Amino acid sequence: MFLRTARMVFPAFARVQSTQLAGARCFASMQMAKRPTLALMERAKESANLGASGKGAEQVRGMKVRSSVKKLCEGCKSVRRKGGKSGKGHVYIICSLNPKHKQRQGK
């Protein structure tokens, strides 16, 4: 807001600031500013290639950490894996039907 009013009151201030901004930019960013359609075309090609192969970015869910874990459905299986401070390992619940059911026993 203040900058806009300063530009209106002092037109010379607006010219100085715009030349400083132009000098601060690197050549590559100025090229991209002149030709934004090239960047859009490259992104479209990349997304088309990902869609054709069928391997897009897939979201992976994390695990809920609980003091006591429970089997929530018939697809849930309990697994004991190595780890933890005491060396006893953690109990995990892995679900083949619902990824929201993944759990790890914390304490």
PDB file of N, CA and C in Angstrom:
ATOM      1  N   MET A   1       0.833  -1.180   0.000  1.00  0.00           N
ATOM      2  CA  MET A   1       0.000   0.000   0.000  1.00  0.00           C
ATOM      3  C   MET A   1       0.880   1.246   0.000  1.00  0.00           C
ATOM      4  N   PHE A   2       1.865   1.312   0.896  1.00  0.00           N
ATOM      5  CA  PHE A   2       2.736   2.470   0.983  1.00  0.00           C
ATOM      6  C   PHE A   2       3.555   2.634  -0.289  1.00  0.00           C
ATOM      7  N   LEU A   3       4.035   1.531  -0.826  1.00  0.00           N
ATOM      8  CA  LEU A   3       4.851   1.589  -2.030  1.00  0.00           C
ATOM      9  C   LEU A   3       4.042   2.129  -3.203  1.00  0.00           C
ATOM     10  N   ARG A   4       2.788   1.713  -3.289  1.00  0.00           N
ATOM     11  CA  ARG A   4       1.936   2.181  -4.371  1.00  0.00           C
ATOM     12  C   ARG A   4       1.715   3.687  -4.271  1.00  0.00           C
ATOM     13  N   THR A   5       1.472   4.182  -3.066  1.00  0.00           N
ATOM     14  CA  THR A   5       1.258   5.622  -2.907  1.00  0.00           C
ATOM     15  C   THR A   5       2.547   6.386  -3.173  1.00  0.00           C
ATOM     16  N   ALA A   6       3.702   5.799  -2.814  1.00  0.00           N
ATOM     17  CA  ALA A   6       4.975   6.463  -3.082  1.00  0.00           C
ATOM     18  C   ALA A   6       5.221   6.561  -4.581  1.00  0.00           C
ATOM     19  N   ARG A   7       4.828   5.540  -5.310  1.00  0.00           N
ATOM     20  CA  ARG A   7       4.994   5.587  -6.767  1.00  0.00           C
ATOM     21  C   ARG A   7       4.123   6.668  -7.388  1.00  0.00           C
ATOM     22  N   MET A   8       2.920   6.840  -6.826  1.00  0.00           N
ATOM     23  CA  MET A   8       2.020   7.851  -7.375  1.00  0.00           C
ATOM     24  C   MET A   8       2.525   9.260  -7.052  1.00  0.00           C
ATOM     25  N   VAL A   9       3.067   9.447  -5.852  1.00  0.00           N
ATOM     26  CA  VAL A   9       3.531  10.771  -5.437  1.00  0.00           C
ATOM     27  C   VAL A   9       4.884  11.091  -6.062  1.00  0.00           C
ATOM     28  N   PHE A  10       5.792  10.113  -6.080  1.00  0.00           N
ATOM     29  CA  PHE A  10       7.139  10.308  -6.617  1.00  0.00           C
ATOM     30  C   PHE A  10       7.369   9.379  -7.812  1.00  0.00           C
ATOM     31  N   PRO A  11       7.075   9.820  -9.029  1.00  0.00           N
ATOM     32  CA  PRO A  11       7.259   8.942 -10.188  1.00  0.00           C
ATOM     33  C   PRO A  11       8.726   8.560 -10.404  1.00  0.00           C
ATOM     34  N   ALA A  12       9.680   9.399  -9.986  1.00  0.00           N
ATOM     35  CA  ALA A  12      11.101   9.071 -10.145  1.00  0.00           C
ATOM     36  C   ALA A  12      11.466   7.882  -9.257  1.00  0.00           C
ATOM     37  N   PHE A  13      10.864   7.769  -8.095  1.00  0.00           N
ATOM     38  CA  PHE A  13      11.104   6.648  -7.187  1.00  0.00           C
ATOM     39  C   PHE A  13      10.681   5.325  -7.833  1.00  0.00           C
ATOM     40  N   ALA A  14       9.585   5.354  -8.547  1.00  0.00           N
ATOM     41  CA  ALA A  14       9.093   4.143  -9.207  1.00  0.00           C
ATOM     42  C   ALA A  14      10.075   3.687 -10.277  1.00  0.00           C
ATOM     43  N   ARG A  15      10.667   4.620 -11.033  1.00  0.00           N
ATOM     44  CA  ARG A  15      11.615   4.251 -12.091  1.00  0.00           C
ATOM     45  C   ARG A  15      12.889   3.656 -11.509  1.00  0.00           C
ATOM     46  N   VAL A  16      13.399   4.216 -10.423  1.00  0.00           N
ATOM     47  CA  VAL A  16      14.632   3.720  -9.815  1.00  0.00           C
ATOM     48  C   VAL A  16      14.426   2.301  -9.297  1.00  0.00           C
ATOM     49  N   GLN A  17      13.304   2.074  -8.656  1.00  0.00           N
ATOM     50  CA  GLN A  17      13.062   0.755  -8.086  1.00  0.00           C
ATOM     51  C   GLN A  17      12.892  -0.295  -9.181  1.00  0.00           C
ATOM     52  N   SER A  18      12.222   0.032 -10.273  1.00  0.00           N
ATOM     53  CA  SER A  18      12.025  -0.955 -11.330  1.00  0.00           C
ATOM     54  C   SER A  18      13.337  -1.302 -12.016  1.00  0.00           C
ATOM     55  N   THR A  19      14.266  -0.336 -12.151  1.00  0.00           N
ATOM     56  CA  THR A  19      15.560  -0.660 -12.761  1.00  0.00           C
ATOM     57  C   THR A  19      16.398  -1.507 -11.823  1.00  0.00           C
ATOM     58  N   GLN A  20      16.282  -1.288 -10.512  1.00  0.00           N
ATOM     59  CA  GLN A  20      17.019  -2.121  -9.562  1.00  0.00           C
ATOM     60  C   GLN A  20      16.507  -3.553  -9.595  1.00  0.00           C
ATOM     61  N   LEU A  21      15.206  -3.721  -9.715  1.00  0.00           N
ATOM     62  CA  LEU A  21      14.644  -5.066  -9.773  1.00  0.00           C
ATOM     63  C   LEU A  21      15.091  -5.786 -11.035  1.00  0.00           C
ATOM     64  N   ALA A  22      15.136  -5.092 -12.146  1.00  0.00           N
ATOM     65  CA  ALA A  22      15.547  -5.721 -13.397  1.00  0.00           C
ATOM     66  C   ALA A  22      17.006  -6.143 -13.326  1.00  0.00           C
ATOM     67  N   GLY A  23      17.845  -5.354 -12.665  1.00  0.00           N
ATOM     68  CA  GLY A  23      19.256  -5.712 -12.541  1.00  0.00           C
ATOM     69  C   GLY A  23      19.482  -6.858 -11.575  1.00  0.00           C
ATOM     70  N   ALA A  24      18.574  -7.057 -10.632  1.00  0.00           N
ATOM     71  CA  ALA A  24      18.746  -8.104  -9.634  1.00  0.00           C
ATOM     72  C   ALA A  24      18.383  -9.486 -10.172  1.00  0.00           C
ATOM     73  N   ARG A  25      17.571  -9.537 -11.196  1.00  0.00           N
ATOM     74  CA  ARG A  25      17.163 -10.831 -11.741  1.00  0.00           C
ATOM     75  C   ARG A  25      18.292 -11.474 -12.529  1.00  0.00           C
ATOM     76  N   CYS A  26      18.313 -12.780 -12.534  1.00  0.00           N
ATOM     77  CA  CYS A  26      19.306 -13.470 -13.348  1.00  0.00           C
ATOM     78  C   CYS A  26      18.753 -13.652 -14.760  1.00  0.00           C
ATOM     79  N   PHE A  27      19.629 -13.975 -15.675  1.00  0.00           N
ATOM     80  CA  PHE A  27      19.258 -14.072 -17.079  1.00  0.00           C
ATOM     81  C   PHE A  27      18.231 -15.175 -17.314  1.00  0.00           C
ATOM     82  N   ALA A  28      18.388 -16.302 -16.628  1.00  0.00           N
ATOM     83  CA  ALA A  28      17.484 -17.433 -16.841  1.00  0.00           C
ATOM     84  C   ALA A  28      16.058 -17.094 -16.420  1.00  0.00           C
ATOM     85  N   SER A  29      15.908 -16.392 -15.303  1.00  0.00           N
ATOM     86  CA  SER A  29      14.563 -16.054 -14.861  1.00  0.00           C
ATOM     87  C   SER A  29      13.920 -15.046 -15.800  1.00  0.00           C
ATOM     88  N   MET A  30      14.730 -14.162 -16.399  1.00  0.00           N
ATOM     89  CA  MET A  30      14.175 -13.217 -17.362  1.00  0.00           C
ATOM     90  C   MET A  30      13.732 -13.956 -18.619  1.00  0.00           C
ATOM     91  N   GLN A  31      14.478 -14.979 -19.030  1.00  0.00           N
ATOM     92  CA  GLN A  31      14.089 -15.750 -20.202  1.00  0.00           C
ATOM     93  C   GLN A  31      12.771 -16.470 -19.935  1.00  0.00           C
ATOM     94  N   MET A  32      12.621 -17.030 -18.738  1.00  0.00           N
ATOM     95  CA  MET A  32      11.389 -17.731 -18.405  1.00  0.00           C
ATOM     96  C   MET A  32      10.222 -16.750 -18.336  1.00  0.00           C
ATOM     97  N   ALA A  33      10.490 -15.525 -17.896  1.00  0.00           N
ATOM     98  CA  ALA A  33       9.433 -14.526 -17.831  1.00  0.00           C
ATOM     99  C   ALA A  33       8.988 -14.134 -19.230  1.00  0.00           C
ATOM    100  N   LYS A  34       9.927 -14.108 -20.175  1.00  0.00           N
ATOM    101  CA  LYS A  34       9.566 -13.759 -21.545  1.00  0.00           C
ATOM    102  C   LYS A  34       8.798 -14.887 -22.222  1.00  0.00           C
ATOM    103  N   ARG A  35       9.147 -16.148 -21.895  1.00  0.00           N
ATOM    104  CA  ARG A  35       8.560 -17.284 -22.589  1.00  0.00           C
ATOM    105  C   ARG A  35       7.939 -18.266 -21.591  1.00  0.00           C
ATOM    106  N   PRO A  36       6.841 -17.899 -20.966  1.00  0.00           N
ATOM    107  CA  PRO A  36       6.229 -18.826 -20.013  1.00  0.00           C
ATOM    108  C   PRO A  36       5.581 -20.025 -20.693  1.00  0.00           C
ATOM    109  N   THR A  37       5.259 -19.896 -21.987  1.00  0.00           N
ATOM    110  CA  THR A  37       4.605 -21.008 -22.672  1.00  0.00           C
ATOM    111  C   THR A  37       5.538 -22.200 -22.817  1.00  0.00           C
ATOM    112  N   LEU A  38       6.854 -21.962 -22.922  1.00  0.00           N
ATOM    113  CA  LEU A  38       7.792 -23.081 -23.018  1.00  0.00           C
ATOM    114  C   LEU A  38       7.788 -23.910 -21.741  1.00  0.00           C
ATOM    115  N   ALA A  39       7.769 -23.239 -20.604  1.00  0.00           N
ATOM    116  CA  ALA A  39       7.745 -23.957 -19.332  1.00  0.00           C
ATOM    117  C   ALA A  39       6.452 -24.755 -19.192  1.00  0.00           C
ATOM    118  N   LEU A  40       5.343 -24.173 -19.627  1.00  0.00           N
ATOM    119  CA  LEU A  40       4.070 -24.883 -19.551  1.00  0.00           C
ATOM    120  C   LEU A  40       4.059 -26.099 -20.463  1.00  0.00           C
ATOM    121  N   MET A  41       4.663 -25.964 -21.652  1.00  0.00           N
ATOM    122  CA  MET A  41       4.710 -27.091 -22.582  1.00  0.00           C
ATOM    123  C   MET A  41       5.563 -28.224 -22.018  1.00  0.00           C
ATOM    124  N   GLU A  42       6.700 -27.887 -21.367  1.00  0.00           N
ATOM    125  CA  GLU A  42       7.557 -28.917 -20.784  1.00  0.00           C
ATOM    126  C   GLU A  42       6.839 -29.649 -19.655  1.00  0.00           C
ATOM    127  N   ARG A  43       6.111 -28.918 -18.829  1.00  0.00           N
ATOM    128  CA  ARG A  43       5.362 -29.554 -17.739  1.00  0.00           C
ATOM    129  C   ARG A  43       4.274 -30.467 -18.289  1.00  0.00           C
ATOM    130  N   ALA A  44       3.621 -30.040 -19.368  1.00  0.00           N
ATOM    131  CA  ALA A  44       2.576 -30.865 -19.966  1.00  0.00           C
ATOM    132  C   ALA A  44       3.157 -32.156 -20.526  1.00  0.00           C
ATOM    133  N   LYS A  45       4.347 -32.078 -21.135  1.00  0.00           N
ATOM    134  CA  LYS A  45       4.995 -33.285 -21.661  1.00  0.00           C
ATOM    135  C   LYS A  45       5.335 -34.247 -20.535  1.00  0.00           C
ATOM    136  N   GLU A  46       5.867 -33.719 -19.416  1.00  0.00           N
ATOM    137  CA  GLU A  46       6.227 -34.567 -18.279  1.00  0.00           C
ATOM    138  C   GLU A  46       5.002 -35.253 -17.694  1.00  0.00           C
ATOM    139  N   SER A  47       3.909 -34.509 -17.550  1.00  0.00           N
ATOM    140  CA  SER A  47       2.705 -35.114 -16.982  1.00  0.00           C
ATOM    141  C   SER A  47       2.100 -36.128 -17.942  1.00  0.00           C
ATOM    142  N   ALA A  48       2.216 -35.896 -19.256  1.00  0.00           N
ATOM    143  CA  ALA A  48       1.715 -36.862 -20.229  1.00  0.00           C
ATOM    144  C   ALA A  48       2.540 -38.141 -20.178  1.00  0.00           C
ATOM    145  N   ASN A  49       3.859 -38.010 -20.013  1.00  0.00           N
ATOM    146  CA  ASN A  49       4.710 -39.191 -19.912  1.00  0.00           C
ATOM    147  C   ASN A  49       4.390 -39.989 -18.657  1.00  0.00           C
ATOM    148  N   LEU A  50       4.138 -39.317 -17.553  1.00  0.00           N
ATOM    149  CA  LEU A  50       3.794 -40.011 -16.316  1.00  0.00           C
ATOM    150  C   LEU A  50       2.451 -40.713 -16.448  1.00  0.00           C
ATOM    151  N   GLY A  51       1.501 -40.056 -17.101  1.00  0.00           N
ATOM    152  CA  GLY A  51       0.188 -40.662 -17.282  1.00  0.00           C
ATOM    153  C   GLY A  51       0.244 -41.868 -18.195  1.00  0.00           C
ATOM    154  N   ALA A  52       1.095 -41.843 -19.212  1.00  0.00           N
ATOM    155  CA  ALA A  52       1.198 -42.956 -20.145  1.00  0.00           C
ATOM    156  C   ALA A  52       1.821 -44.173 -19.480  1.00  0.00           C
ATOM    157  N   SER A  53       2.804 -43.958 -18.625  1.00  0.00           N
ATOM    158  CA  SER A  53       3.456 -45.090 -17.970  1.00  0.00           C
ATOM    159  C   SER A  53       2.630 -45.612 -16.798  1.00  0.00           C
ATOM    160  N   GLY A  54       1.715 -44.777 -16.269  1.00  0.00           N
ATOM    161  CA  GLY A  54       0.874 -45.209 -15.160  1.00  0.00           C
ATOM    162  C   GLY A  54       1.545 -45.086 -13.811  1.00  0.00           C
ATOM    163  N   LYS A  55       2.729 -44.512 -13.741  1.00  0.00           N
ATOM    164  CA  LYS A  55       3.450 -44.392 -12.474  1.00  0.00           C
ATOM    165  C   LYS A  55       3.526 -42.926 -12.074  1.00  0.00           C
ATOM    166  N   GLY A  56       2.457 -42.418 -11.494  1.00  0.00           N
ATOM    167  CA  GLY A  56       2.461 -41.050 -11.009  1.00  0.00           C
ATOM    168  C   GLY A  56       2.895 -41.019  -9.562  1.00  0.00           C
ATOM    169  N   ALA A  57       2.917 -39.832  -8.985  1.00  0.00           N
ATOM    170  CA  ALA A  57       3.278 -39.705  -7.574  1.00  0.00           C
ATOM    171  C   ALA A  57       2.098 -40.189  -6.749  1.00  0.00           C
ATOM    172  N   GLU A  58       2.315 -41.219  -5.933  1.00  0.00           N
ATOM    173  CA  GLU A  58       1.254 -41.795  -5.135  1.00  0.00           C
ATOM    174  C   GLU A  58       1.455 -41.403  -3.678  1.00  0.00           C
ATOM    175  N   GLN A  59       0.379 -40.995  -3.034  1.00  0.00           N
ATOM    176  CA  GLN A  59       0.480 -40.559  -1.646  1.00  0.00           C
ATOM    177  C   GLN A  59       0.586 -41.772  -0.731  1.00  0.00           C
ATOM    178  N   VAL A  60       1.522 -41.709   0.198  1.00  0.00           N
ATOM    179  CA  VAL A  60       1.739 -42.797   1.141  1.00  0.00           C
ATOM    180  C   VAL A  60       1.335 -42.311   2.523  1.00  0.00           C
ATOM    181  N   ARG A  61       0.544 -43.111   3.205  1.00  0.00           N
ATOM    182  CA  ARG A  61       0.080 -42.730   4.532  1.00  0.00           C
ATOM    183  C   ARG A  61       1.097 -43.105   5.591  1.00  0.00           C
ATOM    184  N   GLY A  62       1.149 -42.319   6.635  1.00  0.00           N
ATOM    185  CA  GLY A  62       2.025 -42.618   7.755  1.00  0.00           C
ATOM    186  C   GLY A  62       1.357 -43.586   8.712  1.00  0.00           C
ATOM    187  N   MET A  63       2.037 -43.850   9.808  1.00  0.00           N
ATOM    188  CA  MET A  63       1.500 -44.778  10.803  1.00  0.00           C
ATOM    189  C   MET A  63       1.031 -44.015  12.025  1.00  0.00           C
ATOM    190  N   LYS A  64      -0.021 -44.527  12.647  1.00  0.00           N
ATOM    191  CA  LYS A  64      -0.457 -43.990  13.927  1.00  0.00           C
ATOM    192  C   LYS A  64       0.372 -44.658  15.008  1.00  0.00           C
ATOM    193  N   VAL A  65       0.934 -43.882  15.919  1.00  0.00           N
ATOM    194  CA  VAL A  65       1.734 -44.434  17.016  1.00  0.00           C
ATOM    195  C   VAL A  65       0.861 -44.434  18.262  1.00  0.00           C
ATOM    196  N   ARG A  66       0.671 -45.622  18.825  1.00  0.00           N
ATOM    197  CA  ARG A  66      -0.208 -45.764  19.985  1.00  0.00           C
ATOM    198  C   ARG A  66       0.460 -46.611  21.049  1.00  0.00           C
ATOM    199  N   SER A  67      -0.024 -46.475  22.273  1.00  0.00           N
ATOM    200  CA  SER A  67       0.518 -47.309  23.350  1.00  0.00           C
ATOM    201  C   SER A  67      -0.028 -48.726  23.262  1.00  0.00           C
ATOM    202  N   SER A  68      -1.243 -48.881  22.781  1.00  0.00           N
ATOM    203  CA  SER A  68      -1.789 -50.229  22.554  1.00  0.00           C
ATOM    204  C   SER A  68      -2.436 -50.248  21.176  1.00  0.00           C
ATOM    205  N   VAL A  69      -2.025 -51.205  20.366  1.00  0.00           N
ATOM    206  CA  VAL A  69      -2.536 -51.290  18.998  1.00  0.00           C
ATOM    207  C   VAL A  69      -3.625 -52.356  18.941  1.00  0.00           C
ATOM    208  N   LYS A  70      -4.580 -52.179  18.014  1.00  0.00           N
ATOM    209  CA  LYS A  70      -5.702 -53.104  17.881  1.00  0.00           C
ATOM    210  C   LYS A  70      -5.887 -53.456  16.419  1.00  0.00           C
ATOM    211  N   LYS A  71      -6.370 -54.644  16.160  1.00  0.00           N
ATOM    212  CA  LYS A  71      -6.781 -55.024  14.814  1.00  0.00           C
ATOM    213  C   LYS A  71      -8.162 -54.424  14.586  1.00  0.00           C
ATOM    214  N   LEU A  72      -8.288 -53.598  13.571  1.00  0.00           N
ATOM    215  CA  LEU A  72      -9.537 -52.880  13.350  1.00  0.00           C
ATOM    216  C   LEU A  72     -10.459 -53.575  12.361  1.00  0.00           C
ATOM    217  N   CYS A  73      -9.924 -54.483  11.538  1.00  0.00           N
ATOM    218  CA  CYS A  73     -10.753 -55.217  10.589  1.00  0.00           C
ATOM    219  C   CYS A  73     -10.110 -56.569  10.310  1.00  0.00           C
ATOM    220  N   GLU A  74     -10.721 -57.362   9.441  1.00  0.00           N
ATOM    221  CA  GLU A  74     -10.180 -58.693   9.156  1.00  0.00           C
ATOM    222  C   GLU A  74      -8.934 -58.643   8.281  1.00  0.00           C
ATOM    223  N   GLY A  75      -8.644 -57.502   7.667  1.00  0.00           N
ATOM    224  CA  GLY A  75      -7.433 -57.365   6.852  1.00  0.00           C
ATOM    225  C   GLY A  75      -6.203 -56.971   7.660  1.00  0.00           C
ATOM    226  N   CYS A  76      -6.386 -56.614   8.926  1.00  0.00           N
ATOM    227  CA  CYS A  76      -5.273 -56.176   9.777  1.00  0.00           C
ATOM    228  C   CYS A  76      -4.477 -57.374  10.288  1.00  0.00           C
ATOM    229  N   LYS A  77      -3.154 -57.267  10.218  1.00  0.00           N
ATOM    230  CA  LYS A  77      -2.262 -58.323  10.712  1.00  0.00           C
ATOM    231  C   LYS A  77      -1.236 -57.693  11.637  1.00  0.00           C
ATOM    232  N   SER A  78      -0.914 -58.382  12.731  1.00  0.00           N
ATOM    233  CA  SER A  78       0.109 -57.868  13.645  1.00  0.00           C
ATOM    234  C   SER A  78       1.458 -58.443  13.256  1.00  0.00           C
ATOM    235  N   VAL A  79       2.485 -57.594  13.285  1.00  0.00           N
ATOM    236  CA  VAL A  79       3.836 -57.973  12.883  1.00  0.00           C
ATOM    237  C   VAL A  79       4.790 -57.422  13.926  1.00  0.00           C
ATOM    238  N   ARG A  80       5.798 -58.227  14.330  1.00  0.00           N
ATOM    239  CA  ARG A  80       6.823 -57.745  15.253  1.00  0.00           C
ATOM    240  C   ARG A  80       8.095 -57.519  14.454  1.00  0.00           C
ATOM    241  N   ARG A  81       8.642 -56.307  14.566  1.00  0.00           N
ATOM    242  CA  ARG A  81       9.873 -55.970  13.847  1.00  0.00           C
ATOM    243  C   ARG A  81      10.921 -55.487  14.830  1.00  0.00           C
ATOM    244  N   LYS A  82      12.172 -55.507  14.385  1.00  0.00           N
ATOM    245  CA  LYS A  82      13.275 -55.030  15.227  1.00  0.00           C
ATOM    246  C   LYS A  82      13.178 -53.525  15.411  1.00  0.00           C
ATOM    247  N   GLY A  83      13.803 -53.037  16.476  1.00  0.00           N
ATOM    248  CA  GLY A  83      13.843 -51.599  16.691  1.00  0.00           C
ATOM    249  C   GLY A  83      13.498 -51.249  18.116  1.00  0.00           C
ATOM    250  N   GLY A  84      13.492 -49.977  18.380  1.00  0.00           N
ATOM    251  CA  GLY A  84      13.182 -49.504  19.719  1.00  0.00           C
ATOM    252  C   GLY A  84      14.426 -49.377  20.569  1.00  0.00           C
ATOM    253  N   LYS A  85      14.317 -48.633  21.665  1.00  0.00           N
ATOM    254  CA  LYS A  85      15.472 -48.386  22.534  1.00  0.00           C
ATOM    255  C   LYS A  85      15.866 -49.626  23.328  1.00  0.00           C
ATOM    256  N   SER A  86      14.883 -50.389  23.768  1.00  0.00           N
ATOM    257  CA  SER A  86      15.194 -51.548  24.607  1.00  0.00           C
ATOM    258  C   SER A  86      15.608 -52.763  23.787  1.00  0.00           C
ATOM    259  N   GLY A  87      15.452 -52.718  22.475  1.00  0.00           N
ATOM    260  CA  GLY A  87      15.859 -53.828  21.620  1.00  0.00           C
ATOM    261  C   GLY A  87      14.815 -54.913  21.485  1.00  0.00           C
ATOM    262  N   LYS A  88      13.661 -54.735  22.119  1.00  0.00           N
ATOM    263  CA  LYS A  88      12.603 -55.746  22.043  1.00  0.00           C
ATOM    264  C   LYS A  88      11.842 -55.669  20.724  1.00  0.00           C
ATOM    265  N   GLY A  89      11.869 -54.528  20.124  1.00  0.00           N
ATOM    266  CA  GLY A  89      11.160 -54.359  18.861  1.00  0.00           C
ATOM    267  C   GLY A  89       9.813 -53.696  19.050  1.00  0.00           C
ATOM    268  N   HIS A  90       9.189 -53.408  17.949  1.00  0.00           N
ATOM    269  CA  HIS A  90       7.875 -52.778  17.946  1.00  0.00           C
ATOM    270  C   HIS A  90       6.864 -53.747  17.376  1.00  0.00           C
ATOM    271  N   VAL A  91       5.614 -53.599  17.805  1.00  0.00           N
ATOM    272  CA  VAL A  91       4.513 -54.346  17.209  1.00  0.00           C
ATOM    273  C   VAL A  91       3.835 -53.410  16.226  1.00  0.00           C
ATOM    274  N   TYR A  92       3.683 -53.882  15.000  1.00  0.00           N
ATOM    275  CA  TYR A  92       3.039 -53.111  13.950  1.00  0.00           C
ATOM    276  C   TYR A  92       1.730 -53.778  13.574  1.00  0.00           C
ATOM    277  N   ILE A  93       0.766 -52.983  13.171  1.00  0.00           N
ATOM    278  CA  ILE A  93      -0.456 -53.490  12.557  1.00  0.00           C
ATOM    279  C   ILE A  93      -0.420 -53.027  11.108  1.00  0.00           C
ATOM    280  N   ILE A  94      -0.441 -53.995  10.197  1.00  0.00           N
ATOM    281  CA  ILE A  94      -0.432 -53.705   8.764  1.00  0.00           C
ATOM    282  C   ILE A  94      -1.771 -54.165   8.216  1.00  0.00           C
ATOM    283  N   CYS A  95      -2.436 -53.324   7.421  1.00  0.00           N
ATOM    284  CA  CYS A  95      -3.741 -53.677   6.872  1.00  0.00           C
ATOM    285  C   CYS A  95      -3.676 -53.707   5.358  1.00  0.00           C
ATOM    286  N   SER A  96      -4.146 -54.793   4.784  1.00  0.00           N
ATOM    287  CA  SER A  96      -4.158 -54.907   3.328  1.00  0.00           C
ATOM    288  C   SER A  96      -5.403 -54.276   2.720  1.00  0.00           C
ATOM    289  N   LEU A  97      -6.434 -54.047   3.530  1.00  0.00           N
ATOM    290  CA  LEU A  97      -7.685 -53.508   3.007  1.00  0.00           C
ATOM    291  C   LEU A  97      -7.792 -51.991   3.141  1.00  0.00           C
ATOM    292  N   ASN A  98      -7.290 -51.445   4.247  1.00  0.00           N
ATOM    293  CA  ASN A  98      -7.446 -50.015   4.495  1.00  0.00           C
ATOM    294  C   ASN A  98      -6.119 -49.437   4.984  1.00  0.00           C
ATOM    295  N   PRO A  99      -5.472 -48.561   4.202  1.00  0.00           N
ATOM    296  CA  PRO A  99      -4.178 -48.008   4.623  1.00  0.00           C
ATOM    297  C   PRO A  99      -4.263 -47.108   5.858  1.00  0.00           C
ATOM    298  N   LYS A 100      -5.455 -46.669   6.237  1.00  0.00           N
ATOM    299  CA  LYS A 100      -5.602 -45.846   7.443  1.00  0.00           C
ATOM    300  C   LYS A 100      -5.399 -46.661   8.716  1.00  0.00           C
ATOM    301  N   HIS A 101      -5.448 -47.975   8.624  1.00  0.00           N
ATOM    302  CA  HIS A 101      -5.336 -48.829   9.802  1.00  0.00           C
ATOM    303  C   HIS A 101      -3.903 -49.103  10.227  1.00  0.00           C
ATOM    304  N   LYS A 102      -2.897 -48.578   9.509  1.00  0.00           N
ATOM    305  CA  LYS A 102      -1.502 -48.848   9.881  1.00  0.00           C
ATOM    306  C   LYS A 102      -1.195 -48.222  11.237  1.00  0.00           C
ATOM    307  N   GLN A 103      -0.615 -49.032  12.143  1.00  0.00           N
ATOM    308  CA  GLN A 103      -0.310 -48.568  13.492  1.00  0.00           C
ATOM    309  C   GLN A 103       1.037 -49.110  13.930  1.00  0.00           C
ATOM    310  N   ARG A 104       1.656 -48.411  14.875  1.00  0.00           N
ATOM    311  CA  ARG A 104       2.890 -48.886  15.503  1.00  0.00           C
ATOM    312  C   ARG A 104       2.765 -48.691  17.000  1.00  0.00           C
ATOM    313  N   GLN A 105       3.191 -49.693  17.748  1.00  0.00           N
ATOM    314  CA  GLN A 105       3.132 -49.582  19.201  1.00  0.00           C
ATOM    315  C   GLN A 105       4.322 -48.774  19.682  1.00  0.00           C
ATOM    316  N   GLY A 106       4.050 -47.658  20.360  1.00  0.00           N
ATOM    317  CA  GLY A 106       5.116 -46.760  20.782  1.00  0.00           C
ATOM    318  C   GLY A 106       5.759 -47.155  22.083  1.00  0.00           C
ATOM    319  N   LYS A 107       4.996 -47.361  23.146  1.00  0.00           N
ATOM    320  CA  LYS A 107       5.559 -47.683  24.467  1.00  0.00           C
ATOM    321  C   LYS A 107       4.894 -48.892  25.056  1.00  0.00           C
TER     322      LYS A 107
END
